[in-house]
Amino acid sequence: MRRTRLSELALSNIDLIDRNLYERRGDVRWWATDAAIAAAARPGRGDDALAYAARRMGQILESYTVYFDLVLAGTDGRILANGRPQQYASAGSDVSAQAWFEHAMRTRSGEQFGFQGVHASTLADGERVLVYSCTVRDGGRVDGRVLGVLGIVFRWDALAQTVVQRTPLSEQEWGRSRVCIVDPHG
């Protein structure tokens, strides 16, 4: 296989991953403005608000199957609610030291987002995930007071495996080639 062909295949796979992950940053910023999620992050909210936010996140997950879960953390990093509480017992977990939480808390507006690269996450029973995050702000406004952080727990292996398997190689090329997705460290 010639270098030009390898470069084209690599660029095509990079583009597929990039476009897919671009959508994730839009998702997290949009859902962080959801009224149910903002209400559940408010200090003094009741159990009803948390239950409603969990149901709302569950409804989102029914339509967006690329996620293991959605989690809402307070400003202290404790998970308040999640969209799949029957599957992932995340409520009460401390994520304050997680990169996705820290990055979101350092943002200046709800138009910005945080991120944590591929890692095995306890939020998804040890599965490899990417987590995008955004501050949840008072009134769902992008400039409101920070109430918490929404994390969206993305199914990394599902995307990576699909991209690898759909790399357009001939049968002969597959016999002598290996397609890998690597991080910056190789």
C-alpha atoms as a PDB file:
ATOM      1  CA  MET A   1       0.000   0.000   0.000  1.00  0.00           C
ATOM      2  CA  ARG A   2       1.432   3.385  -0.967  1.00  0.00           C
ATOM      3  CA  ARG A   3       2.005   6.236   1.469  1.00  0.00           C
ATOM      4  CA  THR A   4      -0.562   8.430  -0.268  1.00  0.00           C
ATOM      5  CA  ARG A   5      -3.258   5.788   0.192  1.00  0.00           C
ATOM      6  CA  LEU A   6      -2.320   5.330   3.853  1.00  0.00           C
ATOM      7  CA  SER A   7      -2.461   9.082   4.407  1.00  0.00           C
ATOM      8  CA  GLU A   8      -5.867   9.312   2.750  1.00  0.00           C
ATOM      9  CA  LEU A   9      -7.249   6.470   4.868  1.00  0.00           C
ATOM     10  CA  ALA A  10      -5.853   7.994   8.057  1.00  0.00           C
ATOM     11  CA  LEU A  11      -7.270  11.425   7.229  1.00  0.00           C
ATOM     12  CA  SER A  12     -10.652   9.896   6.424  1.00  0.00           C
ATOM     13  CA  ASN A  13     -10.762   8.085   9.779  1.00  0.00           C
ATOM     14  CA  ILE A  14      -9.623  11.196  11.634  1.00  0.00           C
ATOM     15  CA  ASP A  15     -12.379  13.182   9.923  1.00  0.00           C
ATOM     16  CA  LEU A  16     -15.040  10.616  10.899  1.00  0.00           C
ATOM     17  CA  ILE A  17     -13.971  10.701  14.543  1.00  0.00           C
ATOM     18  CA  ASP A  18     -13.624  14.485  14.573  1.00  0.00           C
ATOM     19  CA  ARG A  19     -17.108  15.062  13.127  1.00  0.00           C
ATOM     20  CA  ASN A  20     -18.655  12.604  15.557  1.00  0.00           C
ATOM     21  CA  LEU A  21     -16.974  14.147  18.587  1.00  0.00           C
ATOM     22  CA  TYR A  22     -17.829  17.664  17.417  1.00  0.00           C
ATOM     23  CA  GLU A  23     -21.491  16.750  17.931  1.00  0.00           C
ATOM     24  CA  ARG A  24     -20.776  15.731  21.536  1.00  0.00           C
ATOM     25  CA  ARG A  25     -19.676  19.230  22.503  1.00  0.00           C
ATOM     26  CA  GLY A  26     -22.916  20.596  21.088  1.00  0.00           C
ATOM     27  CA  ASP A  27     -24.937  18.013  22.987  1.00  0.00           C
ATOM     28  CA  VAL A  28     -23.411  18.789  26.383  1.00  0.00           C
ATOM     29  CA  ARG A  29     -23.766  22.558  26.010  1.00  0.00           C
ATOM     30  CA  TRP A  30     -27.406  22.200  24.938  1.00  0.00           C
ATOM     31  CA  TRP A  31     -28.426  19.740  27.651  1.00  0.00           C
ATOM     32  CA  ALA A  32     -26.704  21.792  30.366  1.00  0.00           C
ATOM     33  CA  THR A  33     -29.338  24.486  29.705  1.00  0.00           C
ATOM     34  CA  ASP A  34     -32.263  22.069  30.169  1.00  0.00           C
ATOM     35  CA  ALA A  35     -34.700  23.466  32.758  1.00  0.00           C
ATOM     36  CA  ALA A  36     -35.004  20.159  34.639  1.00  0.00           C
ATOM     37  CA  ILE A  37     -31.240  19.802  34.928  1.00  0.00           C
ATOM     38  CA  ALA A  38     -30.774  23.419  36.039  1.00  0.00           C
ATOM     39  CA  ALA A  39     -33.564  23.067  38.630  1.00  0.00           C
ATOM     40  CA  ALA A  40     -31.969  19.905  40.045  1.00  0.00           C
ATOM     41  CA  ALA A  41     -28.619  21.665  40.435  1.00  0.00           C
ATOM     42  CA  ARG A  42     -30.086  24.568  42.448  1.00  0.00           C
ATOM     43  CA  PRO A  43     -29.252  24.698  46.142  1.00  0.00           C
ATOM     44  CA  GLY A  44     -32.252  23.723  48.261  1.00  0.00           C
ATOM     45  CA  ARG A  45     -33.908  21.641  45.525  1.00  0.00           C
ATOM     46  CA  GLY A  46     -36.022  18.749  46.667  1.00  0.00           C
ATOM     47  CA  ASP A  47     -35.906  15.069  45.868  1.00  0.00           C
ATOM     48  CA  ASP A  48     -38.658  15.625  43.282  1.00  0.00           C
ATOM     49  CA  ALA A  49     -36.360  17.922  41.277  1.00  0.00           C
ATOM     50  CA  LEU A  50     -33.572  15.341  41.331  1.00  0.00           C
ATOM     51  CA  ALA A  51     -35.951  12.545  40.300  1.00  0.00           C
ATOM     52  CA  TYR A  52     -37.340  14.670  37.468  1.00  0.00           C
ATOM     53  CA  ALA A  53     -33.830  15.504  36.222  1.00  0.00           C
ATOM     54  CA  ALA A  54     -32.915  11.797  36.305  1.00  0.00           C
ATOM     55  CA  ARG A  55     -36.042  10.977  34.252  1.00  0.00           C
ATOM     56  CA  ARG A  56     -35.259  13.800  31.820  1.00  0.00           C
ATOM     57  CA  MET A  57     -31.686  12.566  31.366  1.00  0.00           C
ATOM     58  CA  GLY A  58     -33.086   9.058  30.890  1.00  0.00           C
ATOM     59  CA  GLN A  59     -35.371  10.338  28.127  1.00  0.00           C
ATOM     60  CA  ILE A  60     -32.393  11.952  26.407  1.00  0.00           C
ATOM     61  CA  LEU A  61     -30.457   8.684  26.634  1.00  0.00           C
ATOM     62  CA  GLU A  62     -33.309   6.790  24.956  1.00  0.00           C
ATOM     63  CA  SER A  63     -32.762   8.917  21.840  1.00  0.00           C
ATOM     64  CA  TYR A  64     -28.974   9.236  22.034  1.00  0.00           C
ATOM     65  CA  THR A  65     -27.618   5.715  22.282  1.00  0.00           C
ATOM     66  CA  VAL A  66     -23.973   6.787  21.906  1.00  0.00           C
ATOM     67  CA  TYR A  67     -23.846   7.522  25.649  1.00  0.00           C
ATOM     68  CA  PHE A  68     -23.515   5.213  28.620  1.00  0.00           C
ATOM     69  CA  ASP A  69     -24.981   7.829  30.927  1.00  0.00           C
ATOM     70  CA  LEU A  70     -25.504  11.499  31.709  1.00  0.00           C
ATOM     71  CA  VAL A  71     -24.501  12.687  35.174  1.00  0.00           C
ATOM     72  CA  LEU A  72     -25.246  15.875  37.072  1.00  0.00           C
ATOM     73  CA  ALA A  73     -22.703  16.918  39.701  1.00  0.00           C
ATOM     74  CA  GLY A  74     -22.959  19.710  42.235  1.00  0.00           C
ATOM     75  CA  THR A  75     -20.208  22.323  42.445  1.00  0.00           C
ATOM     76  CA  ASP A  76     -18.523  20.152  45.087  1.00  0.00           C
ATOM     77  CA  GLY A  77     -18.150  17.303  42.576  1.00  0.00           C
ATOM     78  CA  ARG A  78     -20.730  14.967  44.112  1.00  0.00           C
ATOM     79  CA  ILE A  79     -23.069  13.304  41.607  1.00  0.00           C
ATOM     80  CA  LEU A  80     -26.611  14.488  42.333  1.00  0.00           C
ATOM     81  CA  ALA A  81     -28.454  12.472  39.672  1.00  0.00           C
ATOM     82  CA  ASN A  82     -27.869  10.398  36.568  1.00  0.00           C
ATOM     83  CA  GLY A  83     -29.962   9.200  33.659  1.00  0.00           C
ATOM     84  CA  ARG A  84     -29.542   5.461  34.221  1.00  0.00           C
ATOM     85  CA  PRO A  85     -29.668   5.035  37.996  1.00  0.00           C
ATOM     86  CA  GLN A  86     -30.842   1.403  37.708  1.00  0.00           C
ATOM     87  CA  GLN A  87     -27.745   0.532  35.682  1.00  0.00           C
ATOM     88  CA  TYR A  88     -25.118   2.870  37.159  1.00  0.00           C
ATOM     89  CA  ALA A  89     -25.291   3.758  40.851  1.00  0.00           C
ATOM     90  CA  SER A  90     -23.431   7.046  40.391  1.00  0.00           C
ATOM     91  CA  ALA A  91     -25.426   9.273  42.759  1.00  0.00           C
ATOM     92  CA  GLY A  92     -23.237  10.325  45.663  1.00  0.00           C
ATOM     93  CA  SER A  93     -19.978   9.555  43.841  1.00  0.00           C
ATOM     94  CA  ASP A  94     -17.227  12.162  44.094  1.00  0.00           C
ATOM     95  CA  VAL A  95     -15.928  13.246  40.671  1.00  0.00           C
ATOM     96  CA  SER A  96     -14.266  16.457  41.866  1.00  0.00           C
ATOM     97  CA  ALA A  97     -10.797  15.192  40.889  1.00  0.00           C
ATOM     98  CA  GLN A  98     -11.869  14.050  37.407  1.00  0.00           C
ATOM     99  CA  ALA A  99     -10.445  16.111  34.533  1.00  0.00           C
ATOM    100  CA  TRP A 100     -13.852  16.580  32.895  1.00  0.00           C
ATOM    101  CA  PHE A 101     -15.268  18.104  36.090  1.00  0.00           C
ATOM    102  CA  GLU A 102     -12.241  20.307  36.758  1.00  0.00           C
ATOM    103  CA  HIS A 103     -12.141  21.575  33.163  1.00  0.00           C
ATOM    104  CA  ALA A 104     -15.828  22.508  33.196  1.00  0.00           C
ATOM    105  CA  MET A 105     -15.505  24.318  36.516  1.00  0.00           C
ATOM    106  CA  ARG A 106     -12.718  26.453  35.015  1.00  0.00           C
ATOM    107  CA  THR A 107     -14.843  27.620  32.082  1.00  0.00           C
ATOM    108  CA  ARG A 108     -16.149  31.172  32.031  1.00  0.00           C
ATOM    109  CA  SER A 109     -19.512  30.588  30.377  1.00  0.00           C
ATOM    110  CA  GLY A 110     -21.973  27.906  29.395  1.00  0.00           C
ATOM    111  CA  GLU A 111     -20.751  28.278  25.816  1.00  0.00           C
ATOM    112  CA  GLN A 112     -17.515  26.542  26.779  1.00  0.00           C
ATOM    113  CA  PHE A 113     -17.061  22.892  27.685  1.00  0.00           C
ATOM    114  CA  GLY A 114     -14.725  20.527  29.469  1.00  0.00           C
ATOM    115  CA  PHE A 115     -13.396  17.195  28.329  1.00  0.00           C
ATOM    116  CA  GLN A 116     -11.581  14.091  29.505  1.00  0.00           C
ATOM    117  CA  GLY A 117      -9.921  11.784  26.993  1.00  0.00           C
ATOM    118  CA  VAL A 118     -10.287   8.039  26.706  1.00  0.00           C
ATOM    119  CA  HIS A 119     -10.211   6.349  30.097  1.00  0.00           C
ATOM    120  CA  ALA A 120     -11.855   3.510  32.003  1.00  0.00           C
ATOM    121  CA  SER A 121     -14.614   5.111  34.067  1.00  0.00           C
ATOM    122  CA  THR A 122     -16.393   3.984  37.204  1.00  0.00           C
ATOM    123  CA  LEU A 123     -19.387   5.952  35.873  1.00  0.00           C
ATOM    124  CA  ALA A 124     -19.771   3.202  33.246  1.00  0.00           C
ATOM    125  CA  ASP A 125     -18.619   0.138  35.211  1.00  0.00           C
ATOM    126  CA  GLY A 126     -15.039   0.423  33.957  1.00  0.00           C
ATOM    127  CA  GLU A 127     -15.865   0.812  30.269  1.00  0.00           C
ATOM    128  CA  ARG A 128     -13.606   3.064  28.185  1.00  0.00           C
ATOM    129  CA  VAL A 129     -15.256   6.414  27.693  1.00  0.00           C
ATOM    130  CA  LEU A 130     -14.788  10.035  26.747  1.00  0.00           C
ATOM    131  CA  VAL A 131     -16.555  12.526  28.990  1.00  0.00           C
ATOM    132  CA  TYR A 132     -17.663  15.937  27.788  1.00  0.00           C
ATOM    133  CA  SER A 133     -18.841  18.420  30.385  1.00  0.00           C
ATOM    134  CA  CYS A 134     -20.430  21.829  30.751  1.00  0.00           C
ATOM    135  CA  THR A 135     -21.410  23.984  33.665  1.00  0.00           C
ATOM    136  CA  VAL A 136     -25.076  24.044  34.554  1.00  0.00           C
ATOM    137  CA  ARG A 137     -26.006  27.633  35.304  1.00  0.00           C
ATOM    138  CA  ASP A 138     -28.806  29.451  37.056  1.00  0.00           C
ATOM    139  CA  GLY A 139     -31.914  29.688  34.894  1.00  0.00           C
ATOM    140  CA  GLY A 140     -30.249  27.607  32.177  1.00  0.00           C
ATOM    141  CA  ARG A 141     -28.510  30.786  30.991  1.00  0.00           C
ATOM    142  CA  VAL A 142     -24.980  30.538  29.603  1.00  0.00           C
ATOM    143  CA  ASP A 143     -23.979  33.540  31.741  1.00  0.00           C
ATOM    144  CA  GLY A 144     -25.780  32.517  34.940  1.00  0.00           C
ATOM    145  CA  ARG A 145     -24.231  31.583  38.272  1.00  0.00           C
ATOM    146  CA  VAL A 146     -22.639  28.112  38.231  1.00  0.00           C
ATOM    147  CA  LEU A 147     -24.852  25.521  39.954  1.00  0.00           C
ATOM    148  CA  GLY A 148     -23.130  22.322  38.896  1.00  0.00           C
ATOM    149  CA  VAL A 149     -21.643  20.365  36.010  1.00  0.00           C
ATOM    150  CA  LEU A 150     -23.287  18.053  33.481  1.00  0.00           C
ATOM    151  CA  GLY A 151     -21.108  15.186  32.261  1.00  0.00           C
ATOM    152  CA  ILE A 152     -22.000  13.109  29.215  1.00  0.00           C
ATOM    153  CA  VAL A 153     -20.351   9.689  29.260  1.00  0.00           C
ATOM    154  CA  PHE A 154     -19.634   8.700  25.649  1.00  0.00           C
ATOM    155  CA  ARG A 155     -19.178   5.106  24.439  1.00  0.00           C
ATOM    156  CA  TRP A 156     -15.635   5.390  23.042  1.00  0.00           C
ATOM    157  CA  ASP A 157     -15.051   1.748  22.052  1.00  0.00           C
ATOM    158  CA  ALA A 158     -18.247   1.629  19.987  1.00  0.00           C
ATOM    159  CA  LEU A 159     -17.119   4.586  17.858  1.00  0.00           C
ATOM    160  CA  ALA A 160     -13.501   3.458  17.592  1.00  0.00           C
ATOM    161  CA  GLN A 161     -14.419  -0.093  16.581  1.00  0.00           C
ATOM    162  CA  THR A 162     -16.887   1.143  13.961  1.00  0.00           C
ATOM    163  CA  VAL A 163     -14.286   3.456  12.424  1.00  0.00           C
ATOM    164  CA  VAL A 164     -11.672   0.683  12.343  1.00  0.00           C
ATOM    165  CA  GLN A 165     -14.049  -1.900  10.837  1.00  0.00           C
ATOM    166  CA  ARG A 166     -15.346   0.506   8.193  1.00  0.00           C
ATOM    167  CA  THR A 167     -11.923   1.563   6.966  1.00  0.00           C
ATOM    168  CA  PRO A 168     -12.232   1.022   3.194  1.00  0.00           C
ATOM    169  CA  LEU A 169      -9.542  -1.593   2.609  1.00  0.00           C
ATOM    170  CA  SER A 170      -9.714  -4.365   0.044  1.00  0.00           C
ATOM    171  CA  GLU A 171      -9.607  -7.968   1.243  1.00  0.00           C
ATOM    172  CA  GLN A 172      -5.993  -8.145   0.124  1.00  0.00           C
ATOM    173  CA  GLU A 173      -5.130  -4.912   1.997  1.00  0.00           C
ATOM    174  CA  TRP A 174      -6.824  -6.192   5.170  1.00  0.00           C
ATOM    175  CA  GLY A 175      -4.602  -9.279   4.967  1.00  0.00           C
ATOM    176  CA  ARG A 176      -1.451  -7.218   5.309  1.00  0.00           C
ATOM    177  CA  SER A 177      -2.659  -4.158   7.208  1.00  0.00           C
ATOM    178  CA  ARG A 178      -3.579  -3.194  10.725  1.00  0.00           C
ATOM    179  CA  VAL A 179      -5.782  -0.195  11.516  1.00  0.00           C
ATOM    180  CA  CYS A 180      -5.203   1.425  14.900  1.00  0.00           C
ATOM    181  CA  ILE A 181      -6.494   4.486  16.681  1.00  0.00           C
ATOM    182  CA  VAL A 182      -3.829   5.795  19.026  1.00  0.00           C
ATOM    183  CA  ASP A 183      -3.549   8.628  21.504  1.00  0.00           C
ATOM    184  CA  PRO A 184      -0.824  11.311  21.287  1.00  0.00           C
ATOM    185  CA  HIS A 185       1.535   8.964  23.147  1.00  0.00           C
ATOM    186  CA  GLY A 186       1.174   6.176  20.592  1.00  0.00           C
END
